[in-house]
């Protein structure tokens, strides 16, 4: 695997892990806020956007892995 591709994959994997953790934290926060009776519409919208971004990152990761496997 080419070094640039490896570096890009590693960076992307790190970003994905961070975003996944952030999403988990937001889900927990929203559940606490809802339990306390707060309006969570804005947080829900932000969470939806984060999930879309995660999906895009994972799609990019899949494409990079396919590219890497075709190079071997």
C-alpha atoms as a PDB file:
ATOM      1  CA  UNK A   1       0.000   0.000   0.000  1.00  0.00           C
ATOM      2  CA  UNK A   2       1.313   3.398  -0.919  1.00  0.00           C
ATOM      3  CA  UNK A   3       2.410   5.614   1.984  1.00  0.00           C
ATOM      4  CA  UNK A   4       0.098   8.501   1.054  1.00  0.00           C
ATOM      5  CA  UNK A   5      -2.871   6.150   0.949  1.00  0.00           C
ATOM      6  CA  UNK A   6      -1.876   4.569   4.256  1.00  0.00           C
ATOM      7  CA  UNK A   7      -1.536   7.999   5.874  1.00  0.00           C
ATOM      8  CA  UNK A   8      -4.894   9.118   4.546  1.00  0.00           C
ATOM      9  CA  UNK A   9      -6.549   5.935   5.802  1.00  0.00           C
ATOM     10  CA  UNK A  10      -5.009   6.289   9.249  1.00  0.00           C
ATOM     11  CA  UNK A  11      -6.083   9.930   9.514  1.00  0.00           C
ATOM     12  CA  UNK A  12      -9.580   9.053   8.354  1.00  0.00           C
ATOM     13  CA  UNK A  13      -9.853   6.198  10.847  1.00  0.00           C
ATOM     14  CA  UNK A  14      -8.862   8.571  13.643  1.00  0.00           C
ATOM     15  CA  UNK A  15     -11.473  11.107  12.531  1.00  0.00           C
ATOM     16  CA  UNK A  16     -14.124   8.384  12.334  1.00  0.00           C
ATOM     17  CA  UNK A  17     -13.353   7.197  15.861  1.00  0.00           C
ATOM     18  CA  UNK A  18     -13.569  10.760  17.192  1.00  0.00           C
ATOM     19  CA  UNK A  19     -16.859  11.405  15.402  1.00  0.00           C
ATOM     20  CA  UNK A  20     -18.317   8.113  16.642  1.00  0.00           C
ATOM     21  CA  UNK A  21     -17.404   9.028  20.209  1.00  0.00           C
ATOM     22  CA  UNK A  22     -18.864  12.503  19.773  1.00  0.00           C
ATOM     23  CA  UNK A  23     -22.110  11.013  18.452  1.00  0.00           C
ATOM     24  CA  UNK A  24     -22.317   8.612  21.395  1.00  0.00           C
ATOM     25  CA  UNK A  25     -21.788  11.515  23.789  1.00  0.00           C
ATOM     26  CA  UNK A  26     -24.466  13.589  22.066  1.00  0.00           C
ATOM     27  CA  UNK A  27     -26.974  10.727  22.153  1.00  0.00           C
ATOM     28  CA  UNK A  28     -26.400  10.408  25.883  1.00  0.00           C
ATOM     29  CA  UNK A  29     -26.683  14.167  26.422  1.00  0.00           C
ATOM     30  CA  UNK A  30     -29.918  14.338  24.433  1.00  0.00           C
ATOM     31  CA  UNK A  31     -31.427  11.503  26.447  1.00  0.00           C
ATOM     32  CA  UNK A  32     -30.564  13.290  29.695  1.00  0.00           C
ATOM     33  CA  UNK A  33     -31.966  16.582  28.421  1.00  0.00           C
ATOM     34  CA  UNK A  34     -35.169  14.897  27.246  1.00  0.00           C
ATOM     35  CA  UNK A  35     -35.524  13.139  30.584  1.00  0.00           C
ATOM     36  CA  UNK A  36     -35.252  16.520  32.301  1.00  0.00           C
ATOM     37  CA  UNK A  37     -37.956  17.931  30.027  1.00  0.00           C
ATOM     38  CA  UNK A  38     -35.798  20.106  27.777  1.00  0.00           C
ATOM     39  CA  UNK A  39     -36.481  20.774  24.124  1.00  0.00           C
ATOM     40  CA  UNK A  40     -33.820  18.935  22.115  1.00  0.00           C
ATOM     41  CA  UNK A  41     -34.805  19.869  18.564  1.00  0.00           C
ATOM     42  CA  UNK A  42     -31.551  21.724  17.880  1.00  0.00           C
ATOM     43  CA  UNK A  43     -29.419  18.961  19.371  1.00  0.00           C
ATOM     44  CA  UNK A  44     -31.326  16.351  17.348  1.00  0.00           C
ATOM     45  CA  UNK A  45     -30.694  18.317  14.142  1.00  0.00           C
ATOM     46  CA  UNK A  46     -26.990  18.620  14.944  1.00  0.00           C
ATOM     47  CA  UNK A  47     -26.835  14.898  15.699  1.00  0.00           C
ATOM     48  CA  UNK A  48     -28.453  14.099  12.365  1.00  0.00           C
ATOM     49  CA  UNK A  49     -25.797  16.176  10.597  1.00  0.00           C
ATOM     50  CA  UNK A  50     -23.008  14.440  12.532  1.00  0.00           C
ATOM     51  CA  UNK A  51     -24.393  11.047  11.530  1.00  0.00           C
ATOM     52  CA  UNK A  52     -24.474  12.108   7.877  1.00  0.00           C
ATOM     53  CA  UNK A  53     -20.863  13.249   8.118  1.00  0.00           C
ATOM     54  CA  UNK A  54     -19.914   9.932   9.708  1.00  0.00           C
ATOM     55  CA  UNK A  55     -21.591   8.045   6.874  1.00  0.00           C
ATOM     56  CA  UNK A  56     -19.655  10.102   4.328  1.00  0.00           C
ATOM     57  CA  UNK A  57     -16.387   9.439   6.136  1.00  0.00           C
ATOM     58  CA  UNK A  58     -17.108   5.722   6.260  1.00  0.00           C
ATOM     59  CA  UNK A  59     -17.948   5.730   2.563  1.00  0.00           C
ATOM     60  CA  UNK A  60     -14.626   7.451   1.868  1.00  0.00           C
ATOM     61  CA  UNK A  61     -12.854   4.871   4.019  1.00  0.00           C
ATOM     62  CA  UNK A  62     -14.459   2.040   2.039  1.00  0.00           C
ATOM     63  CA  UNK A  63     -13.338   3.577  -1.244  1.00  0.00           C
ATOM     64  CA  UNK A  64      -9.793   3.993   0.039  1.00  0.00           C
ATOM     65  CA  UNK A  65      -9.702   0.392   1.242  1.00  0.00           C
ATOM     66  CA  UNK A  66     -10.947  -0.794  -2.145  1.00  0.00           C
ATOM     67  CA  UNK A  67      -8.280   1.292  -3.840  1.00  0.00           C
ATOM     68  CA  UNK A  68      -5.628  -0.143  -1.529  1.00  0.00           C
ATOM     69  CA  UNK A  69      -6.727  -3.710  -2.185  1.00  0.00           C
ATOM     70  CA  UNK A  70      -6.623  -3.163  -5.942  1.00  0.00           C
ATOM     71  CA  UNK A  71      -3.010  -1.976  -5.671  1.00  0.00           C
ATOM     72  CA  UNK A  72      -1.798  -5.221  -4.135  1.00  0.00           C
END
